[in-house]
Amino acid sequence: MQMLDLIRRKREGQALTPAEIEAMIQGYTAGTIPDYQMAAFLMAVYFRGLNQEETAALTRAMVASGERIDWSSIPGVKVDKHSTGGVADTTTLVLAPLVAAAGVPVVKMSGRGLGHTGGTIDKLEAIPGFRVRLSQEEMVRQVKEIGLAITAQTGNLVPADGKLYALRDVTATVESIPLIASSVMSKKIAAGADAIVLDVKVGSGAFMPDLASARELARTMVALGREVGRRVRAVITNMDEPLGMMVGNALEVREAIAILSGGGPQELREVCLTLGSQMLLLAGAAGSNREGRRLLENLLAGGQGLKKFQQFIAAQGGDPDVVDNPQLLPQAGEKVTVAARSSGYISAVQTRLVGEAALLLGAGRLTKENPIDLAVGIELKKRRGDYVSAGEPLAVFHVNDRTNLEAARERFLAAYTLAPEPPAPQPLVYEIIE
């Protein structure tokens, strides 16, 4: 195989064979294909795309580059959920214990936040004592005992994707649907769950800016999962404003506790119920979406989801008392009110800018090595469609370091568009791809 020939053919829009793609990924993972040639190939893919057979071959090759996890010793259909990334998206912390409380085993490998989006592992680390790294043996034992385990992704899982993503990140080739789909699904397939629900975000805070591209990504990922025998569904959800009202790690843990306690923002609760009912359907624990939703609502009302969350925290070494006393979570030293500069209805929110404002406060990172402050973030006071008067609080910033405070304030205020009339309502859930 000559890498130069593969680059040229893809540049000209020709299809590669599965064997060629497999050899290329093997060579790149082993270091025999240099970054500059793979970068050229990725740019060719960005402009020319991959067909379904090529995308499937790329996914399989990346899965084969590292270890695959086997959960067959755990009884039942093991389910996982993946989000393509958003702001104030605390769904995993709610869904995992809630679905486990319904008797469906949840095994999940999660990542850290990068850029304007948050990461589940960072949020869990805000819980004092919580262990985010478990061995496979520990995960199996814990899922058998309480039905739920979440761990940070191991470096041995799909190493080809780690190398490719780092290269895509610095060569402006991230926003390619076949590359995104193969990246997500290779990790999900290698992680070993029997059933996967994909939360595909669309809007101003998502990687997919429009419904057509989100639909294409969702269909591509569902097809990839089905091809290797996984039960997969994709739910396209709205990220044209932050999903919850808290942005930041400890703050989002508090909001998850509020939802599991029967409170919290309605929008976050609604998306959790939609995703959770799909997880129950794929696991065979519900016969219809309505039945699954009713079961989850009953578990919320009865407190079983909250109890399971507390059990989960204790099992992974965290302080379970945070459930009853969220004040035990990290807290910022200062709260700063950010007020609206004019009056009107909130007609649009550039969600990415809200996430970037939280990043400037220290809640996020620009590279995977950057430290973050688990206590800081943004507590939102208004949603899209709400009326706000000049001088009225739009948000409260939770701050430990004032260095970037004014920059964060300006970024945050730039996210909001005010109008004399309220905007037309938008759906929270656009579509379910089966």
Protein backbone atom coordinates (compact mmCIF):
# COMPACT_ATOMS: atom_id res chain seq x y z
CA MET A 1 0.00 0.00 0.00
CA GLN A 2 1.29 3.45 -0.93
CA MET A 3 -0.15 6.18 1.27
CA LEU A 4 0.49 8.76 -1.44
CA ASP A 5 -1.77 6.81 -3.80
CA LEU A 6 -4.58 6.67 -1.22
CA ILE A 7 -4.34 10.43 -0.65
CA ARG A 8 -4.45 11.11 -4.38
CA ARG A 9 -7.40 8.80 -5.01
CA LYS A 10 -9.42 10.23 -2.13
CA ARG A 11 -8.54 13.77 -3.28
CA GLU A 12 -10.08 12.85 -6.64
CA GLY A 13 -13.22 11.45 -4.99
CA GLN A 14 -12.51 7.76 -5.54
CA ALA A 15 -13.54 5.11 -3.01
CA LEU A 16 -10.97 3.08 -1.08
CA THR A 17 -11.34 -0.61 -0.28
CA PRO A 18 -11.84 -1.87 3.28
CA ALA A 19 -8.43 -3.59 3.11
CA GLU A 20 -6.73 -0.32 2.15
CA ILE A 21 -8.41 1.57 4.99
CA GLU A 22 -7.51 -1.17 7.48
CA ALA A 23 -3.85 -1.12 6.40
CA MET A 24 -3.77 2.67 6.59
CA ILE A 25 -5.13 2.77 10.16
CA GLN A 26 -2.76 0.01 11.23
CA GLY A 27 0.18 1.92 9.76
CA TYR A 28 -0.81 5.21 11.32
CA THR A 29 -1.37 3.65 14.75
CA ALA A 30 2.03 1.91 14.53
CA GLY A 31 3.74 5.14 13.49
CA THR A 32 4.85 4.05 10.00
CA ILE A 33 2.54 6.62 8.36
CA PRO A 34 3.55 10.16 9.35
CA ASP A 35 1.20 12.86 10.60
CA TYR A 36 1.67 15.02 7.52
CA GLN A 37 0.40 12.29 5.18
CA MET A 38 -2.54 11.43 7.44
CA ALA A 39 -3.36 15.15 7.70
CA ALA A 40 -3.49 15.35 3.90
CA PHE A 41 -5.78 12.32 3.81
CA LEU A 42 -8.10 13.81 6.46
CA MET A 43 -8.40 17.04 4.48
CA ALA A 44 -9.24 15.02 1.36
CA VAL A 45 -11.97 13.25 3.36
CA TYR A 46 -13.22 16.59 4.67
CA PHE A 47 -13.85 17.79 1.12
CA ARG A 48 -14.68 14.50 -0.63
CA GLY A 49 -16.32 12.50 2.16
CA LEU A 50 -16.53 8.74 2.65
CA ASN A 51 -19.28 6.44 1.45
CA GLN A 52 -21.07 4.14 3.89
CA GLU A 53 -18.78 1.17 3.14
CA GLU A 54 -15.66 3.31 3.68
CA THR A 55 -17.04 4.79 6.90
CA ALA A 56 -17.87 1.32 8.21
CA ALA A 57 -14.39 0.07 7.28
CA LEU A 58 -12.77 3.03 9.04
CA THR A 59 -14.88 2.37 12.15
CA ARG A 60 -13.97 -1.34 12.23
CA ALA A 61 -10.29 -0.57 11.72
CA MET A 62 -10.28 1.89 14.61
CA VAL A 63 -12.07 -0.60 16.88
CA ALA A 64 -9.41 -3.19 16.00
CA SER A 65 -6.59 -0.80 16.93
CA GLY A 66 -7.00 -1.46 20.66
CA GLU A 67 -8.75 -3.53 23.28
CA ARG A 68 -12.43 -4.43 23.22
CA ILE A 69 -14.37 -4.76 26.43
CA ASP A 70 -16.56 -7.79 27.09
CA TRP A 71 -19.51 -7.38 29.46
CA SER A 72 -21.08 -10.77 28.66
CA SER A 73 -20.71 -11.94 32.27
CA ILE A 74 -23.22 -9.26 33.32
CA PRO A 75 -26.81 -10.50 32.89
CA GLY A 76 -29.25 -8.53 30.75
CA VAL A 77 -28.96 -6.02 27.95
CA LYS A 78 -26.25 -3.49 28.84
CA VAL A 79 -27.07 0.04 27.69
CA ASP A 80 -25.00 3.15 27.07
CA LYS A 81 -25.82 6.70 26.10
CA HIS A 82 -23.64 9.15 24.21
CA SER A 83 -24.05 12.87 23.63
CA THR A 84 -22.32 14.72 20.81
CA GLY A 85 -21.62 17.55 23.26
CA GLY A 86 -23.50 20.53 24.62
CA VAL A 87 -23.74 23.18 27.31
CA ALA A 88 -25.49 22.54 30.67
CA ASP A 89 -26.10 18.99 29.41
CA THR A 90 -26.32 17.03 32.65
CA THR A 91 -28.33 14.15 31.21
CA THR A 92 -25.85 11.34 31.99
CA LEU A 93 -25.85 12.10 35.72
CA VAL A 94 -29.64 11.83 35.73
CA LEU A 95 -30.14 9.04 33.20
CA ALA A 96 -27.57 6.54 34.42
CA PRO A 97 -29.01 6.08 37.93
CA LEU A 98 -32.60 6.45 36.74
CA VAL A 99 -32.30 3.75 34.07
CA ALA A 100 -30.37 1.50 36.49
CA ALA A 101 -33.18 1.97 39.00
CA ALA A 102 -35.51 0.55 36.33
CA GLY A 103 -33.47 -2.68 36.38
CA VAL A 104 -31.44 -2.06 33.22
CA PRO A 105 -27.64 -2.38 33.67
CA VAL A 106 -25.75 0.76 32.61
CA VAL A 107 -22.04 0.48 31.76
CA LYS A 108 -20.46 3.67 30.55
CA MET A 109 -17.06 5.04 29.66
CA SER A 110 -17.14 8.83 29.62
CA GLY A 111 -14.79 11.63 28.68
CA ARG A 112 -13.65 14.99 29.91
CA GLY A 113 -14.87 18.33 28.67
CA LEU A 114 -13.00 20.14 25.94
CA GLY A 115 -13.65 23.65 24.63
CA HIS A 116 -17.16 24.97 25.22
CA THR A 117 -18.70 21.57 26.09
CA GLY A 118 -18.68 19.86 29.47
CA GLY A 119 -17.53 16.33 30.33
CA THR A 120 -19.17 13.75 32.57
CA ILE A 121 -15.90 12.70 34.20
CA ASP A 122 -15.13 16.28 35.26
CA LYS A 123 -18.59 16.60 36.78
CA LEU A 124 -18.20 13.37 38.74
CA GLU A 125 -14.80 14.51 40.02
CA ALA A 126 -16.58 17.43 41.69
CA ILE A 127 -18.00 14.88 44.16
CA PRO A 128 -15.49 14.60 47.04
CA GLY A 129 -13.63 11.27 46.94
CA PHE A 130 -15.27 10.00 43.74
CA ARG A 131 -13.09 7.55 41.77
CA VAL A 132 -13.36 8.05 38.01
CA ARG A 133 -11.00 5.20 37.08
CA LEU A 134 -12.16 1.62 37.55
CA SER A 135 -10.66 -1.58 36.22
CA GLN A 136 -12.83 -3.81 34.06
CA GLU A 137 -13.10 -6.27 36.94
CA GLU A 138 -14.25 -3.51 39.29
CA MET A 139 -16.84 -2.35 36.78
CA VAL A 140 -18.25 -5.84 36.29
CA ARG A 141 -18.51 -6.39 40.03
CA GLN A 142 -20.14 -3.00 40.60
CA VAL A 143 -22.69 -3.39 37.80
CA LYS A 144 -23.63 -6.82 39.15
CA GLU A 145 -24.10 -5.28 42.61
CA ILE A 146 -25.88 -1.98 41.86
CA GLY A 147 -26.56 -2.03 38.10
CA LEU A 148 -24.37 0.96 37.24
CA ALA A 149 -20.75 1.98 36.73
CA ILE A 150 -19.13 4.95 34.96
CA THR A 151 -15.40 5.24 34.36
CA ALA A 152 -12.97 7.39 32.44
CA GLN A 153 -12.04 6.01 29.05
CA THR A 154 -8.90 3.88 29.05
CA GLY A 155 -6.03 4.79 26.75
CA ASN A 156 -6.06 1.25 25.34
CA LEU A 157 -9.53 1.75 23.92
CA VAL A 158 -9.40 2.78 20.23
CA PRO A 159 -5.91 4.36 20.29
CA ALA A 160 -6.24 5.08 16.56
CA ASP A 161 -9.08 7.48 17.32
CA GLY A 162 -7.00 9.28 19.93
CA LYS A 163 -4.26 9.93 17.37
CA LEU A 164 -6.68 10.84 14.60
CA TYR A 165 -8.75 13.19 16.74
CA ALA A 166 -5.67 15.06 17.98
CA LEU A 167 -4.63 15.53 14.35
CA ARG A 168 -8.13 16.59 13.24
CA ASP A 169 -8.23 19.13 16.06
CA VAL A 170 -5.18 20.99 14.72
CA THR A 171 -5.91 20.62 10.98
CA ALA A 172 -9.48 22.01 10.84
CA THR A 173 -10.96 18.63 9.89
CA VAL A 174 -13.16 18.00 12.94
CA GLU A 175 -16.45 18.95 11.24
CA SER A 176 -16.69 15.94 8.91
CA ILE A 177 -19.71 13.69 9.35
CA PRO A 178 -18.00 10.37 8.43
CA LEU A 179 -15.03 11.23 10.66
CA ILE A 180 -17.28 12.25 13.57
CA ALA A 181 -19.46 9.14 13.14
CA SER A 182 -16.53 6.72 12.99
CA SER A 183 -14.87 8.40 15.98
CA VAL A 184 -17.98 8.16 18.17
CA MET A 185 -19.08 4.70 17.13
CA SER A 186 -15.62 3.09 17.26
CA LYS A 187 -15.41 4.02 20.95
CA LYS A 188 -18.97 2.96 21.69
CA ILE A 189 -18.52 -0.40 19.92
CA ALA A 190 -15.19 -1.10 21.62
CA ALA A 191 -16.71 -0.17 24.99
CA GLY A 192 -18.96 -3.20 24.64
CA ALA A 193 -22.53 -2.10 25.44
CA ASP A 194 -25.32 -4.11 23.76
CA ALA A 195 -27.53 -1.07 23.17
CA ILE A 196 -26.62 2.57 22.55
CA VAL A 197 -28.78 5.68 22.59
CA LEU A 198 -27.17 8.61 20.79
CA ASP A 199 -28.09 12.15 21.79
CA VAL A 200 -27.26 14.18 18.66
CA LYS A 201 -27.26 17.88 19.48
CA VAL A 202 -28.18 20.52 16.90
CA GLY A 203 -28.03 24.30 17.14
CA SER A 204 -25.81 27.17 18.23
CA GLY A 205 -24.06 25.16 20.95
CA ALA A 206 -23.58 21.97 18.95
CA PHE A 207 -21.08 20.70 16.40
CA MET A 208 -24.03 20.17 14.04
CA PRO A 209 -25.45 23.65 13.30
CA ASP A 210 -28.51 22.58 11.26
CA LEU A 211 -31.09 19.82 11.32
CA ALA A 212 -30.06 18.33 7.95
CA SER A 213 -26.47 17.72 9.05
CA ALA A 214 -27.59 16.42 12.46
CA ARG A 215 -29.96 14.00 10.75
CA GLU A 216 -27.19 12.79 8.42
CA LEU A 217 -24.83 12.23 11.36
CA ALA A 218 -27.51 10.40 13.34
CA ARG A 219 -28.39 8.09 10.47
CA THR A 220 -24.73 7.36 9.76
CA MET A 221 -24.03 6.40 13.37
CA VAL A 222 -27.17 4.27 13.68
CA ALA A 223 -26.19 2.39 10.51
CA LEU A 224 -22.65 1.81 11.82
CA GLY A 225 -23.96 0.37 15.07
CA ARG A 226 -26.50 -1.86 13.38
CA GLU A 227 -23.82 -3.21 11.04
CA VAL A 228 -21.91 -4.70 13.98
CA GLY A 229 -24.98 -6.04 15.73
CA ARG A 230 -25.67 -3.28 18.26
CA ARG A 231 -29.13 -1.97 19.09
CA VAL A 232 -28.89 1.74 18.32
CA ARG A 233 -31.22 4.74 18.25
CA ALA A 234 -30.44 8.41 17.84
CA VAL A 235 -32.42 11.27 19.36
CA ILE A 236 -31.88 14.70 17.79
CA THR A 237 -32.19 17.33 20.51
CA ASN A 238 -32.09 21.12 20.65
CA MET A 239 -28.88 22.94 21.66
CA ASP A 240 -29.99 26.43 20.61
CA GLU A 241 -29.80 27.36 24.28
CA PRO A 242 -28.21 25.68 27.32
CA LEU A 243 -30.22 22.61 28.26
CA GLY A 244 -30.15 23.16 32.02
CA MET A 245 -29.74 26.27 34.13
CA MET A 246 -26.29 25.40 35.52
CA VAL A 247 -23.03 25.52 33.55
CA GLY A 248 -20.02 24.17 35.42
CA ASN A 249 -19.06 20.92 37.09
CA ALA A 250 -20.17 21.10 40.74
CA LEU A 251 -23.12 23.27 39.71
CA GLU A 252 -24.29 20.62 37.25
CA VAL A 253 -24.04 17.89 39.89
CA ARG A 254 -26.34 20.03 42.05
CA GLU A 255 -28.79 20.31 39.17
CA ALA A 256 -28.74 16.55 38.58
CA ILE A 257 -29.59 16.04 42.25
CA ALA A 258 -32.44 18.54 41.86
CA ILE A 259 -33.88 16.65 38.89
CA LEU A 260 -33.60 13.30 40.68
CA SER A 261 -35.31 14.92 43.68
CA GLY A 262 -38.31 15.89 41.54
CA GLY A 263 -37.30 19.50 40.82
CA GLY A 264 -34.89 21.19 38.44
CA PRO A 265 -35.56 22.74 35.04
CA GLN A 266 -38.37 21.22 33.01
CA GLU A 267 -36.34 21.21 29.77
CA LEU A 268 -33.54 19.07 31.20
CA ARG A 269 -36.07 16.72 32.79
CA GLU A 270 -37.94 16.33 29.50
CA VAL A 271 -34.84 15.41 27.49
CA CYS A 272 -33.80 12.93 30.20
CA LEU A 273 -37.20 11.22 30.06
CA THR A 274 -37.06 11.02 26.26
CA LEU A 275 -33.56 9.54 26.18
CA GLY A 276 -34.27 7.25 29.11
CA SER A 277 -37.42 5.81 27.56
CA GLN A 278 -35.40 4.96 24.44
CA MET A 279 -32.80 3.20 26.61
CA LEU A 280 -35.55 1.13 28.24
CA LEU A 281 -37.03 0.27 24.85
CA LEU A 282 -33.71 -0.98 23.47
CA ALA A 283 -33.12 -3.02 26.62
CA GLY A 284 -36.56 -4.62 26.40
CA ALA A 285 -37.61 -3.15 29.76
CA ALA A 286 -40.53 -1.27 28.18
CA GLY A 287 -42.83 -2.11 25.31
CA SER A 288 -43.44 1.43 24.16
CA ASN A 289 -42.11 4.93 24.57
CA ARG A 290 -45.13 5.84 26.69
CA GLU A 291 -44.63 2.84 28.97
CA GLY A 292 -40.93 3.63 29.40
CA ARG A 293 -41.63 7.26 30.17
CA ARG A 294 -44.29 6.37 32.75
CA LEU A 295 -41.88 3.96 34.48
CA LEU A 296 -39.16 6.62 34.69
CA GLU A 297 -41.60 9.24 35.96
CA ASN A 298 -42.68 6.86 38.71
CA LEU A 299 -39.07 6.19 39.68
CA LEU A 300 -38.43 9.94 39.88
CA ALA A 301 -41.55 10.51 41.96
CA GLY A 302 -40.73 7.60 44.27
CA GLY A 303 -37.14 8.68 44.83
CA GLN A 304 -35.60 5.46 43.50
CA GLY A 305 -33.47 7.33 40.96
CA LEU A 306 -32.05 9.58 43.68
CA LYS A 307 -31.38 6.59 45.92
CA LYS A 308 -29.56 4.83 43.07
CA PHE A 309 -27.43 7.95 42.46
CA GLN A 310 -26.45 7.97 46.13
CA GLN A 311 -25.64 4.25 45.97
CA PHE A 312 -23.55 4.82 42.83
CA ILE A 313 -21.55 7.63 44.46
CA ALA A 314 -20.78 5.49 47.51
CA ALA A 315 -19.77 2.50 45.34
CA GLN A 316 -17.13 4.61 43.57
CA GLY A 317 -15.68 6.09 46.75
CA GLY A 318 -17.53 9.41 46.72
CA ASP A 319 -19.28 11.09 49.62
CA PRO A 320 -22.95 10.02 49.36
CA ASP A 321 -23.97 12.80 51.76
CA VAL A 322 -23.74 15.31 48.87
CA VAL A 323 -27.16 14.05 47.75
CA ASP A 324 -28.79 15.26 50.96
CA ASN A 325 -26.43 18.20 51.40
CA PRO A 326 -25.21 19.62 48.06
CA GLN A 327 -23.32 22.30 50.05
CA LEU A 328 -20.62 19.64 50.48
CA LEU A 329 -19.78 20.04 46.78
CA PRO A 330 -17.02 22.53 45.85
CA GLN A 331 -18.22 26.13 46.08
CA ALA A 332 -16.75 29.25 44.53
CA GLY A 333 -15.57 32.05 46.80
CA GLU A 334 -17.59 34.78 45.09
CA LYS A 335 -20.87 35.25 43.26
CA VAL A 336 -21.12 38.01 40.65
CA THR A 337 -24.46 39.06 39.16
CA VAL A 338 -24.50 39.71 35.42
CA ALA A 339 -27.37 42.02 34.46
CA ALA A 340 -29.05 42.70 31.12
CA ARG A 341 -28.03 45.97 29.47
CA SER A 342 -31.39 46.50 27.76
CA SER A 343 -34.96 45.24 27.91
CA GLY A 344 -36.79 42.77 25.72
CA TYR A 345 -37.63 39.14 25.10
CA ILE A 346 -34.72 36.74 24.75
CA SER A 347 -35.14 35.78 21.10
CA ALA A 348 -31.89 33.87 20.52
CA VAL A 349 -28.98 32.47 22.51
CA GLN A 350 -25.56 31.73 21.03
CA THR A 351 -25.04 28.74 23.30
CA ARG A 352 -21.40 28.27 22.35
CA LEU A 353 -20.63 31.74 23.76
CA VAL A 354 -22.24 30.80 27.09
CA GLY A 355 -20.00 27.73 27.24
CA GLU A 356 -16.97 29.84 26.33
CA ALA A 357 -17.81 32.31 29.11
CA ALA A 358 -17.81 29.42 31.62
CA LEU A 359 -14.49 28.29 30.16
CA LEU A 360 -13.02 31.76 30.77
CA LEU A 361 -14.10 31.53 34.41
CA GLY A 362 -12.10 28.31 34.71
CA ALA A 363 -14.86 25.70 34.34
CA GLY A 364 -13.48 24.31 31.07
CA ARG A 365 -10.23 23.62 29.27
CA LEU A 366 -8.70 24.37 25.89
CA THR A 367 -6.51 21.23 25.87
CA LYS A 368 -6.97 17.92 27.66
CA GLU A 369 -4.02 18.74 29.92
CA ASN A 370 -5.41 22.04 31.24
CA PRO A 371 -6.53 22.07 34.90
CA ILE A 372 -10.06 23.23 35.65
CA ASP A 373 -11.80 24.71 38.67
CA LEU A 374 -14.62 22.34 39.63
CA ALA A 375 -16.44 24.99 41.71
CA VAL A 376 -16.86 27.79 39.19
CA GLY A 377 -19.44 28.32 36.48
CA ILE A 378 -22.63 30.10 35.52
CA GLU A 379 -26.07 29.95 37.14
CA LEU A 380 -28.57 31.05 34.50
CA LYS A 381 -31.63 33.07 35.51
CA LYS A 382 -33.48 33.38 32.20
CA ARG A 383 -34.34 31.18 29.23
CA ARG A 384 -35.15 31.84 25.59
CA GLY A 385 -38.59 33.47 25.36
CA ASP A 386 -38.38 35.09 28.81
CA TYR A 387 -38.74 38.85 29.18
CA VAL A 388 -35.84 40.64 30.84
CA SER A 389 -35.67 44.28 31.95
CA ALA A 390 -32.52 46.38 31.79
CA GLY A 391 -30.58 45.85 35.00
CA GLU A 392 -32.33 42.55 35.75
CA PRO A 393 -30.05 39.55 36.42
CA LEU A 394 -29.44 37.27 33.42
CA ALA A 395 -27.07 35.05 35.38
CA VAL A 396 -24.90 34.69 38.45
CA PHE A 397 -21.23 33.87 37.86
CA HIS A 398 -19.60 31.61 40.46
CA VAL A 399 -16.03 32.93 40.56
CA ASN A 400 -12.73 32.08 42.22
CA ASP A 401 -10.37 34.04 39.94
CA ARG A 402 -11.29 37.48 38.58
CA THR A 403 -8.55 37.51 35.92
CA ASN A 404 -10.93 36.79 33.03
CA LEU A 405 -14.13 37.98 34.70
CA GLU A 406 -14.78 40.96 32.43
CA ALA A 407 -13.94 38.96 29.31
CA ALA A 408 -16.35 36.25 30.47
CA ARG A 409 -19.06 38.84 31.14
CA GLU A 410 -18.69 40.34 27.65
CA ARG A 411 -18.70 36.89 26.02
CA PHE A 412 -21.80 35.92 27.97
CA LEU A 413 -23.76 39.09 27.20
CA ALA A 414 -22.86 38.79 23.51
CA ALA A 415 -24.66 35.43 23.50
CA TYR A 416 -28.10 37.01 24.06
CA THR A 417 -30.29 38.70 21.47
CA LEU A 418 -33.25 40.71 22.79
CA ALA A 419 -36.34 41.59 20.74
CA PRO A 420 -39.61 43.48 21.34
CA GLU A 421 -41.70 40.36 20.70
CA PRO A 422 -41.29 36.82 22.07
CA PRO A 423 -39.77 34.28 19.65
CA ALA A 424 -41.62 31.31 18.21
CA PRO A 425 -41.22 28.23 20.41
CA GLN A 426 -38.74 25.53 19.39
CA PRO A 427 -39.02 21.79 20.05
CA LEU A 428 -36.69 20.19 22.58
CA VAL A 429 -36.65 16.94 20.61
CA TYR A 430 -36.69 17.15 16.83
CA GLU A 431 -36.62 13.53 15.77
CA ILE A 432 -35.87 9.94 16.79
CA ILE A 433 -33.84 7.95 14.24
CA GLU A 434 -34.48 4.23 14.48
